[in-house]
């Protein structure tokens, strides 16, 4: 069974959340278009339904309080990974 290869955007990094934008320490950005749609600078679109966010690249993030299934967490306007960016503070 092949393991999933994650893009640079999916590696753990620090994200600063600024309203409808989020910027990582590596310069990646995501823009929240609506409550259910977010677009990244690499062209990946993310659709959020309830606690689950699915990326057009096949990624899936499930929110569990301030934690995400990718192991990241969010506190206020700072997240430790992309998955937590989709969580509500």
PDB file of N, CA and C in Angstrom:
ATOM      1  N   UNK A   1       0.853  -1.183   0.000  1.00  0.00           N
ATOM      2  CA  UNK A   1       0.000   0.000   0.000  1.00  0.00           C
ATOM      3  C   UNK A   1       0.896   1.243   0.000  1.00  0.00           C
ATOM      4  N   UNK A   2       0.691   2.106  -0.950  1.00  0.00           N
ATOM      5  CA  UNK A   2       1.495   3.324  -1.065  1.00  0.00           C
ATOM      6  C   UNK A   2       1.020   4.350  -0.043  1.00  0.00           C
ATOM      7  N   UNK A   3       1.966   5.084   0.507  1.00  0.00           N
ATOM      8  CA  UNK A   3       1.593   6.132   1.447  1.00  0.00           C
ATOM      9  C   UNK A   3       1.284   7.408   0.681  1.00  0.00           C
ATOM     10  N   UNK A   4       0.423   8.225   1.249  1.00  0.00           N
ATOM     11  CA  UNK A   4       0.044   9.475   0.597  1.00  0.00           C
ATOM     12  C   UNK A   4       1.191  10.466   0.698  1.00  0.00           C
ATOM     13  N   UNK A   5       1.505  11.102  -0.397  1.00  0.00           N
ATOM     14  CA  UNK A   5       2.538  12.125  -0.423  1.00  0.00           C
ATOM     15  C   UNK A   5       1.866  13.472  -0.227  1.00  0.00           C
ATOM     16  N   UNK A   6       2.279  14.213   0.781  1.00  0.00           N
ATOM     17  CA  UNK A   6       1.701  15.515   1.067  1.00  0.00           C
ATOM     18  C   UNK A   6       2.535  16.599   0.425  1.00  0.00           C
ATOM     19  N   UNK A   7       1.876  17.635  -0.024  1.00  0.00           N
ATOM     20  CA  UNK A   7       2.581  18.778  -0.577  1.00  0.00           C
ATOM     21  C   UNK A   7       3.233  19.558   0.556  1.00  0.00           C
ATOM     22  N   UNK A   8       4.069  20.522   0.197  1.00  0.00           N
ATOM     23  CA  UNK A   8       4.723  21.366   1.191  1.00  0.00           C
ATOM     24  C   UNK A   8       3.703  22.017   2.113  1.00  0.00           C
ATOM     25  N   UNK A   9       2.529  22.336   1.568  1.00  0.00           N
ATOM     26  CA  UNK A   9       1.494  23.004   2.347  1.00  0.00           C
ATOM     27  C   UNK A   9       0.983  22.124   3.494  1.00  0.00           C
ATOM     28  N   UNK A  10       1.102  20.811   3.360  1.00  0.00           N
ATOM     29  CA  UNK A  10       0.572  19.917   4.378  1.00  0.00           C
ATOM     30  C   UNK A  10       1.577  19.556   5.460  1.00  0.00           C
ATOM     31  N   UNK A  11       2.803  20.038   5.357  1.00  0.00           N
ATOM     32  CA  UNK A  11       3.753  19.786   6.423  1.00  0.00           C
ATOM     33  C   UNK A  11       3.410  20.687   7.601  1.00  0.00           C
ATOM     34  N   UNK A  12       3.826  20.293   8.783  1.00  0.00           N
ATOM     35  CA  UNK A  12       3.525  21.109   9.955  1.00  0.00           C
ATOM     36  C   UNK A  12       4.265  22.436   9.869  1.00  0.00           C
ATOM     37  N   UNK A  13       3.541  23.492  10.078  1.00  0.00           N
ATOM     38  CA  UNK A  13       4.097  24.830  10.061  1.00  0.00           C
ATOM     39  C   UNK A  13       3.206  25.715  10.914  1.00  0.00           C
ATOM     40  N   UNK A  14       3.679  26.887  11.197  1.00  0.00           N
ATOM     41  CA  UNK A  14       2.894  27.833  11.987  1.00  0.00           C
ATOM     42  C   UNK A  14       2.100  28.714  11.027  1.00  0.00           C
ATOM     43  N   UNK A  15       0.818  28.815  11.280  1.00  0.00           N
ATOM     44  CA  UNK A  15      -0.085  29.633  10.460  1.00  0.00           C
ATOM     45  C   UNK A  15      -0.612  30.791  11.290  1.00  0.00           C
ATOM     46  N   UNK A  16      -0.588  31.986  10.741  1.00  0.00           N
ATOM     47  CA  UNK A  16      -1.195  33.172  11.345  1.00  0.00           C
ATOM     48  C   UNK A  16      -2.508  33.413  10.624  1.00  0.00           C
ATOM     49  N   UNK A  17      -3.599  33.447  11.368  1.00  0.00           N
ATOM     50  CA  UNK A  17      -4.925  33.614  10.786  1.00  0.00           C
ATOM     51  C   UNK A  17      -5.319  35.084  10.911  1.00  0.00           C
ATOM     52  N   UNK A  18      -5.588  35.707   9.768  1.00  0.00           N
ATOM     53  CA  UNK A  18      -5.892  37.136   9.706  1.00  0.00           C
ATOM     54  C   UNK A  18      -7.240  37.320   9.022  1.00  0.00           C
ATOM     55  N   UNK A  19      -8.306  37.164   9.768  1.00  0.00           N
ATOM     56  CA  UNK A  19      -9.646  37.271   9.186  1.00  0.00           C
ATOM     57  C   UNK A  19      -9.905  36.140   8.217  1.00  0.00           C
ATOM     58  N   UNK A  20     -10.134  36.464   6.938  1.00  0.00           N
ATOM     59  CA  UNK A  20     -10.425  35.428   5.954  1.00  0.00           C
ATOM     60  C   UNK A  20      -9.158  34.883   5.282  1.00  0.00           C
ATOM     61  N   UNK A  21      -7.985  35.381   5.678  1.00  0.00           N
ATOM     62  CA  UNK A  21      -6.713  34.898   5.148  1.00  0.00           C
ATOM     63  C   UNK A  21      -5.925  34.189   6.234  1.00  0.00           C
ATOM     64  N   UNK A  22      -5.100  33.230   5.829  1.00  0.00           N
ATOM     65  CA  UNK A  22      -4.143  32.614   6.748  1.00  0.00           C
ATOM     66  C   UNK A  22      -2.816  32.492   6.006  1.00  0.00           C
ATOM     67  N   UNK A  23      -1.725  32.811   6.698  1.00  0.00           N
ATOM     68  CA  UNK A  23      -0.388  32.794   6.110  1.00  0.00           C
ATOM     69  C   UNK A  23       0.501  31.903   6.961  1.00  0.00           C
ATOM     70  N   UNK A  24       1.233  30.995   6.289  1.00  0.00           N
ATOM     71  CA  UNK A  24       2.136  30.104   7.027  1.00  0.00           C
ATOM     72  C   UNK A  24       3.524  30.721   7.124  1.00  0.00           C
ATOM     73  N   UNK A  25       4.350  30.157   8.016  1.00  0.00           N
ATOM     74  CA  UNK A  25       5.714  30.641   8.169  1.00  0.00           C
ATOM     75  C   UNK A  25       6.572  30.359   6.941  1.00  0.00           C
ATOM     76  N   UNK A  26       6.083  29.523   6.024  1.00  0.00           N
ATOM     77  CA  UNK A  26       6.813  29.260   4.778  1.00  0.00           C
ATOM     78  C   UNK A  26       6.268  30.085   3.611  1.00  0.00           C
ATOM     79  N   UNK A  27       5.284  30.964   3.891  1.00  0.00           N
ATOM     80  CA  UNK A  27       4.764  31.861   2.863  1.00  0.00           C
ATOM     81  C   UNK A  27       3.534  31.373   2.131  1.00  0.00           C
ATOM     82  N   UNK A  28       3.049  30.185   2.439  1.00  0.00           N
ATOM     83  CA  UNK A  28       1.815  29.696   1.820  1.00  0.00           C
ATOM     84  C   UNK A  28       0.634  30.470   2.384  1.00  0.00           C
ATOM     85  N   UNK A  29      -0.391  30.661   1.580  1.00  0.00           N
ATOM     86  CA  UNK A  29      -1.591  31.343   2.059  1.00  0.00           C
ATOM     87  C   UNK A  29      -2.835  30.582   1.644  1.00  0.00           C
ATOM     88  N   UNK A  30      -3.882  30.728   2.436  1.00  0.00           N
ATOM     89  CA  UNK A  30      -5.211  30.246   2.080  1.00  0.00           C
ATOM     90  C   UNK A  30      -6.187  31.390   2.289  1.00  0.00           C
ATOM     91  N   UNK A  31      -7.221  31.441   1.444  1.00  0.00           N
ATOM     92  CA  UNK A  31      -8.222  32.501   1.504  1.00  0.00           C
ATOM     93  C   UNK A  31      -9.595  31.874   1.639  1.00  0.00           C
ATOM     94  N   UNK A  32     -10.282  32.224   2.702  1.00  0.00           N
ATOM     95  CA  UNK A  32     -11.634  31.717   2.930  1.00  0.00           C
ATOM     96  C   UNK A  32     -12.606  32.537   2.087  1.00  0.00           C
ATOM     97  N   UNK A  33     -13.191  31.898   1.089  1.00  0.00           N
ATOM     98  CA  UNK A  33     -14.123  32.549   0.174  1.00  0.00           C
ATOM     99  C   UNK A  33     -15.522  32.620   0.780  1.00  0.00           C
ATOM    100  N   UNK A  34     -15.922  31.534   1.434  1.00  0.00           N
ATOM    101  CA  UNK A  34     -17.230  31.464   2.088  1.00  0.00           C
ATOM    102  C   UNK A  34     -17.103  30.512   3.272  1.00  0.00           C
ATOM    103  N   UNK A  35     -18.203  30.273   3.975  1.00  0.00           N
ATOM    104  CA  UNK A  35     -18.165  29.351   5.111  1.00  0.00           C
ATOM    105  C   UNK A  35     -17.776  27.941   4.693  1.00  0.00           C
ATOM    106  N   UNK A  36     -17.999  27.600   3.428  1.00  0.00           N
ATOM    107  CA  UNK A  36     -17.725  26.233   2.996  1.00  0.00           C
ATOM    108  C   UNK A  36     -16.583  26.109   1.986  1.00  0.00           C
ATOM    109  N   UNK A  37     -16.010  27.225   1.502  1.00  0.00           N
ATOM    110  CA  UNK A  37     -14.982  27.149   0.464  1.00  0.00           C
ATOM    111  C   UNK A  37     -13.743  27.963   0.824  1.00  0.00           C
ATOM    112  N   UNK A  38     -12.581  27.315   0.745  1.00  0.00           N
ATOM    113  CA  UNK A  38     -11.284  27.958   0.964  1.00  0.00           C
ATOM    114  C   UNK A  38     -10.372  27.583  -0.195  1.00  0.00           C
ATOM    115  N   UNK A  39      -9.583  28.547  -0.682  1.00  0.00           N
ATOM    116  CA  UNK A  39      -8.663  28.325  -1.799  1.00  0.00           C
ATOM    117  C   UNK A  39      -7.241  28.612  -1.331  1.00  0.00           C
ATOM    118  N   UNK A  40      -6.289  27.739  -1.713  1.00  0.00           N
ATOM    119  CA  UNK A  40      -4.883  27.959  -1.354  1.00  0.00           C
ATOM    120  C   UNK A  40      -4.120  28.546  -2.533  1.00  0.00           C
ATOM    121  N   UNK A  41      -2.927  29.058  -2.244  1.00  0.00           N
ATOM    122  CA  UNK A  41      -2.106  29.651  -3.294  1.00  0.00           C
ATOM    123  C   UNK A  41      -1.650  28.624  -4.318  1.00  0.00           C
ATOM    124  N   UNK A  42      -1.645  27.351  -3.963  1.00  0.00           N
ATOM    125  CA  UNK A  42      -1.228  26.336  -4.938  1.00  0.00           C
ATOM    126  C   UNK A  42      -2.403  25.837  -5.783  1.00  0.00           C
ATOM    127  N   UNK A  43      -3.584  26.456  -5.612  1.00  0.00           N
ATOM    128  CA  UNK A  43      -4.737  26.110  -6.423  1.00  0.00           C
ATOM    129  C   UNK A  43      -5.650  25.056  -5.828  1.00  0.00           C
ATOM    130  N   UNK A  44      -5.290  24.510  -4.680  1.00  0.00           N
ATOM    131  CA  UNK A  44      -6.149  23.516  -4.031  1.00  0.00           C
ATOM    132  C   UNK A  44      -7.368  24.201  -3.436  1.00  0.00           C
ATOM    133  N   UNK A  45      -8.539  23.650  -3.688  1.00  0.00           N
ATOM    134  CA  UNK A  45      -9.753  24.167  -3.053  1.00  0.00           C
ATOM    135  C   UNK A  45     -10.146  23.211  -1.932  1.00  0.00           C
ATOM    136  N   UNK A  46     -10.624  23.780  -0.842  1.00  0.00           N
ATOM    137  CA  UNK A  46     -11.037  23.007   0.326  1.00  0.00           C
ATOM    138  C   UNK A  46     -12.509  23.281   0.599  1.00  0.00           C
ATOM    139  N   UNK A  47     -13.299  22.221   0.707  1.00  0.00           N
ATOM    140  CA  UNK A  47     -14.720  22.340   0.993  1.00  0.00           C
ATOM    141  C   UNK A  47     -14.979  21.839   2.405  1.00  0.00           C
ATOM    142  N   UNK A  48     -15.614  22.672   3.208  1.00  0.00           N
ATOM    143  CA  UNK A  48     -15.910  22.324   4.591  1.00  0.00           C
ATOM    144  C   UNK A  48     -17.394  22.028   4.741  1.00  0.00           C
ATOM    145  N   UNK A  49     -17.680  20.871   5.347  1.00  0.00           N
ATOM    146  CA  UNK A  49     -19.049  20.461   5.640  1.00  0.00           C
ATOM    147  C   UNK A  49     -19.068  20.004   7.094  1.00  0.00           C
ATOM    148  N   UNK A  50     -19.657  20.818   7.959  1.00  0.00           N
ATOM    149  CA  UNK A  50     -19.661  20.478   9.374  1.00  0.00           C
ATOM    150  C   UNK A  50     -18.249  20.510   9.930  1.00  0.00           C
ATOM    151  N   UNK A  51     -17.801  19.403  10.511  1.00  0.00           N
ATOM    152  CA  UNK A  51     -16.471  19.318  11.107  1.00  0.00           C
ATOM    153  C   UNK A  51     -15.432  18.734  10.156  1.00  0.00           C
ATOM    154  N   UNK A  52     -15.822  18.456   8.916  1.00  0.00           N
ATOM    155  CA  UNK A  52     -14.929  17.812   7.948  1.00  0.00           C
ATOM    156  C   UNK A  52     -14.590  18.761   6.807  1.00  0.00           C
ATOM    157  N   UNK A  53     -13.303  18.839   6.475  1.00  0.00           N
ATOM    158  CA  UNK A  53     -12.837  19.628   5.328  1.00  0.00           C
ATOM    159  C   UNK A  53     -12.133  18.690   4.360  1.00  0.00           C
ATOM    160  N   UNK A  54     -12.537  18.747   3.094  1.00  0.00           N
ATOM    161  CA  UNK A  54     -11.963  17.880   2.056  1.00  0.00           C
ATOM    162  C   UNK A  54     -11.303  18.765   1.012  1.00  0.00           C
ATOM    163  N   UNK A  55     -10.033  18.452   0.678  1.00  0.00           N
ATOM    164  CA  UNK A  55      -9.305  19.205  -0.329  1.00  0.00           C
ATOM    165  C   UNK A  55      -9.427  18.569  -1.698  1.00  0.00           C
ATOM    166  N   UNK A  56      -9.326  19.387  -2.743  1.00  0.00           N
ATOM    167  CA  UNK A  56      -9.371  18.866  -4.103  1.00  0.00           C
ATOM    168  C   UNK A  56      -8.159  17.997  -4.413  1.00  0.00           C
ATOM    169  N   UNK A  57      -7.139  18.049  -3.552  1.00  0.00           N
ATOM    170  CA  UNK A  57      -5.946  17.198  -3.691  1.00  0.00           C
ATOM    171  C   UNK A  57      -6.102  15.863  -2.967  1.00  0.00           C
ATOM    172  N   UNK A  58      -7.285  15.618  -2.390  1.00  0.00           N
ATOM    173  CA  UNK A  58      -7.542  14.366  -1.688  1.00  0.00           C
ATOM    174  C   UNK A  58      -7.322  14.422  -0.191  1.00  0.00           C
ATOM    175  N   UNK A  59      -6.861  15.547   0.329  1.00  0.00           N
ATOM    176  CA  UNK A  59      -6.636  15.665   1.767  1.00  0.00           C
ATOM    177  C   UNK A  59      -7.965  15.763   2.510  1.00  0.00           C
ATOM    178  N   UNK A  60      -7.980  15.274   3.742  1.00  0.00           N
ATOM    179  CA  UNK A  60      -9.172  15.320   4.588  1.00  0.00           C
ATOM    180  C   UNK A  60      -8.749  15.746   5.985  1.00  0.00           C
ATOM    181  N   UNK A  61      -9.446  16.728   6.536  1.00  0.00           N
ATOM    182  CA  UNK A  61      -9.181  17.206   7.890  1.00  0.00           C
ATOM    183  C   UNK A  61     -10.487  17.131   8.675  1.00  0.00           C
ATOM    184  N   UNK A  62     -10.428  16.563   9.871  1.00  0.00           N
ATOM    185  CA  UNK A  62     -11.604  16.478  10.739  1.00  0.00           C
ATOM    186  C   UNK A  62     -11.296  17.247  12.013  1.00  0.00           C
ATOM    187  N   UNK A  63     -12.169  18.171  12.359  1.00  0.00           N
ATOM    188  CA  UNK A  63     -11.969  19.005  13.542  1.00  0.00           C
ATOM    189  C   UNK A  63     -12.478  18.293  14.787  1.00  0.00           C
ATOM    190  N   UNK A  64     -11.710  18.406  15.865  1.00  0.00           N
ATOM    191  CA  UNK A  64     -12.070  17.831  17.163  1.00  0.00           C
ATOM    192  C   UNK A  64     -11.751  18.881  18.211  1.00  0.00           C
ATOM    193  N   UNK A  65     -12.690  19.805  18.438  1.00  0.00           N
ATOM    194  CA  UNK A  65     -12.425  20.933  19.323  1.00  0.00           C
ATOM    195  C   UNK A  65     -11.390  21.843  18.684  1.00  0.00           C
ATOM    196  N   UNK A  66     -10.317  22.163  19.405  1.00  0.00           N
ATOM    197  CA  UNK A  66      -9.266  23.020  18.841  1.00  0.00           C
ATOM    198  C   UNK A  66      -8.197  22.200  18.120  1.00  0.00           C
ATOM    199  N   UNK A  67      -8.414  20.896  17.980  1.00  0.00           N
ATOM    200  CA  UNK A  67      -7.463  20.006  17.312  1.00  0.00           C
ATOM    201  C   UNK A  67      -7.993  19.561  15.955  1.00  0.00           C
ATOM    202  N   UNK A  68      -7.063  19.171  15.069  1.00  0.00           N
ATOM    203  CA  UNK A  68      -7.421  18.641  13.766  1.00  0.00           C
ATOM    204  C   UNK A  68      -6.840  17.241  13.626  1.00  0.00           C
ATOM    205  N   UNK A  69      -7.409  16.468  12.733  1.00  0.00           N
ATOM    206  CA  UNK A  69      -6.954  15.085  12.532  1.00  0.00           C
ATOM    207  C   UNK A  69      -5.531  14.993  11.985  1.00  0.00           C
ATOM    208  N   UNK A  70      -4.970  16.091  11.497  1.00  0.00           N
ATOM    209  CA  UNK A  70      -3.580  16.058  11.028  1.00  0.00           C
ATOM    210  C   UNK A  70      -2.591  16.290  12.163  1.00  0.00           C
ATOM    211  N   UNK A  71      -3.095  16.411  13.399  1.00  0.00           N
ATOM    212  CA  UNK A  71      -2.234  16.584  14.560  1.00  0.00           C
ATOM    213  C   UNK A  71      -1.984  18.036  14.925  1.00  0.00           C
ATOM    214  N   UNK A  72      -2.567  18.949  14.177  1.00  0.00           N
ATOM    215  CA  UNK A  72      -2.351  20.368  14.458  1.00  0.00           C
ATOM    216  C   UNK A  72      -3.399  20.882  15.443  1.00  0.00           C
ATOM    217  N   UNK A  73      -3.106  22.031  16.021  1.00  0.00           N
ATOM    218  CA  UNK A  73      -4.009  22.645  16.984  1.00  0.00           C
ATOM    219  C   UNK A  73      -4.096  24.139  16.715  1.00  0.00           C
ATOM    220  N   UNK A  74      -5.169  24.746  17.188  1.00  0.00           N
ATOM    221  CA  UNK A  74      -5.364  26.185  17.009  1.00  0.00           C
ATOM    222  C   UNK A  74      -5.649  26.832  18.348  1.00  0.00           C
ATOM    223  N   UNK A  75      -4.959  27.940  18.577  1.00  0.00           N
ATOM    224  CA  UNK A  75      -5.207  28.758  19.765  1.00  0.00           C
ATOM    225  C   UNK A  75      -5.319  30.201  19.300  1.00  0.00           C
ATOM    226  N   UNK A  76      -6.529  30.735  19.339  1.00  0.00           N
ATOM    227  CA  UNK A  76      -6.744  32.102  18.875  1.00  0.00           C
ATOM    228  C   UNK A  76      -6.492  32.218  17.388  1.00  0.00           C
ATOM    229  N   UNK A  77      -5.575  33.103  17.000  1.00  0.00           N
ATOM    230  CA  UNK A  77      -5.299  33.334  15.587  1.00  0.00           C
ATOM    231  C   UNK A  77      -4.030  32.632  15.113  1.00  0.00           C
ATOM    232  N   UNK A  78      -3.567  31.637  15.878  1.00  0.00           N
ATOM    233  CA  UNK A  78      -2.366  30.881  15.508  1.00  0.00           C
ATOM    234  C   UNK A  78      -2.712  29.396  15.443  1.00  0.00           C
ATOM    235  N   UNK A  79      -2.264  28.747  14.344  1.00  0.00           N
ATOM    236  CA  UNK A  79      -2.465  27.304  14.183  1.00  0.00           C
ATOM    237  C   UNK A  79      -1.114  26.656  13.904  1.00  0.00           C
ATOM    238  N   UNK A  80      -0.960  25.405  14.346  1.00  0.00           N
ATOM    239  CA  UNK A  80       0.307  24.695  14.146  1.00  0.00           C
ATOM    240  C   UNK A  80       0.323  23.841  12.888  1.00  0.00           C
ATOM    241  N   UNK A  81      -0.720  23.921  12.083  1.00  0.00           N
ATOM    242  CA  UNK A  81      -0.789  23.171  10.834  1.00  0.00           C
ATOM    243  C   UNK A  81      -2.023  23.568  10.058  1.00  0.00           C
ATOM    244  N   UNK A  82      -2.052  23.192   8.806  1.00  0.00           N
ATOM    245  CA  UNK A  82      -3.158  23.600   7.931  1.00  0.00           C
ATOM    246  C   UNK A  82      -4.513  23.110   8.435  1.00  0.00           C
ATOM    247  N   UNK A  83      -4.586  21.889   8.927  1.00  0.00           N
ATOM    248  CA  UNK A  83      -5.862  21.348   9.367  1.00  0.00           C
ATOM    249  C   UNK A  83      -6.549  22.207  10.417  1.00  0.00           C
ATOM    250  N   UNK A  84      -5.772  22.751  11.347  1.00  0.00           N
ATOM    251  CA  UNK A  84      -6.340  23.578  12.413  1.00  0.00           C
ATOM    252  C   UNK A  84      -6.790  24.939  11.912  1.00  0.00           C
ATOM    253  N   UNK A  85      -6.294  25.373  10.754  1.00  0.00           N
ATOM    254  CA  UNK A  85      -6.732  26.654  10.187  1.00  0.00           C
ATOM    255  C   UNK A  85      -8.238  26.624   9.906  1.00  0.00           C
ATOM    256  N   UNK A  86      -8.755  25.434   9.549  1.00  0.00           N
ATOM    257  CA  UNK A  86     -10.169  25.304   9.223  1.00  0.00           C
ATOM    258  C   UNK A  86     -11.061  25.257  10.446  1.00  0.00           C
ATOM    259  N   UNK A  87     -10.499  25.104  11.632  1.00  0.00           N
ATOM    260  CA  UNK A  87     -11.278  25.031  12.866  1.00  0.00           C
ATOM    261  C   UNK A  87     -11.783  26.400  13.282  1.00  0.00           C
ATOM    262  N   UNK A  88     -12.811  26.387  14.073  1.00  0.00           N
ATOM    263  CA  UNK A  88     -13.367  27.626  14.615  1.00  0.00           C
ATOM    264  C   UNK A  88     -12.718  27.923  15.948  1.00  0.00           C
ATOM    265  N   UNK A  89     -12.404  29.165  16.182  1.00  0.00           N
ATOM    266  CA  UNK A  89     -11.809  29.550  17.471  1.00  0.00           C
ATOM    267  C   UNK A  89     -12.899  29.884  18.466  1.00  0.00           C
TER     268      UNK A  89
END
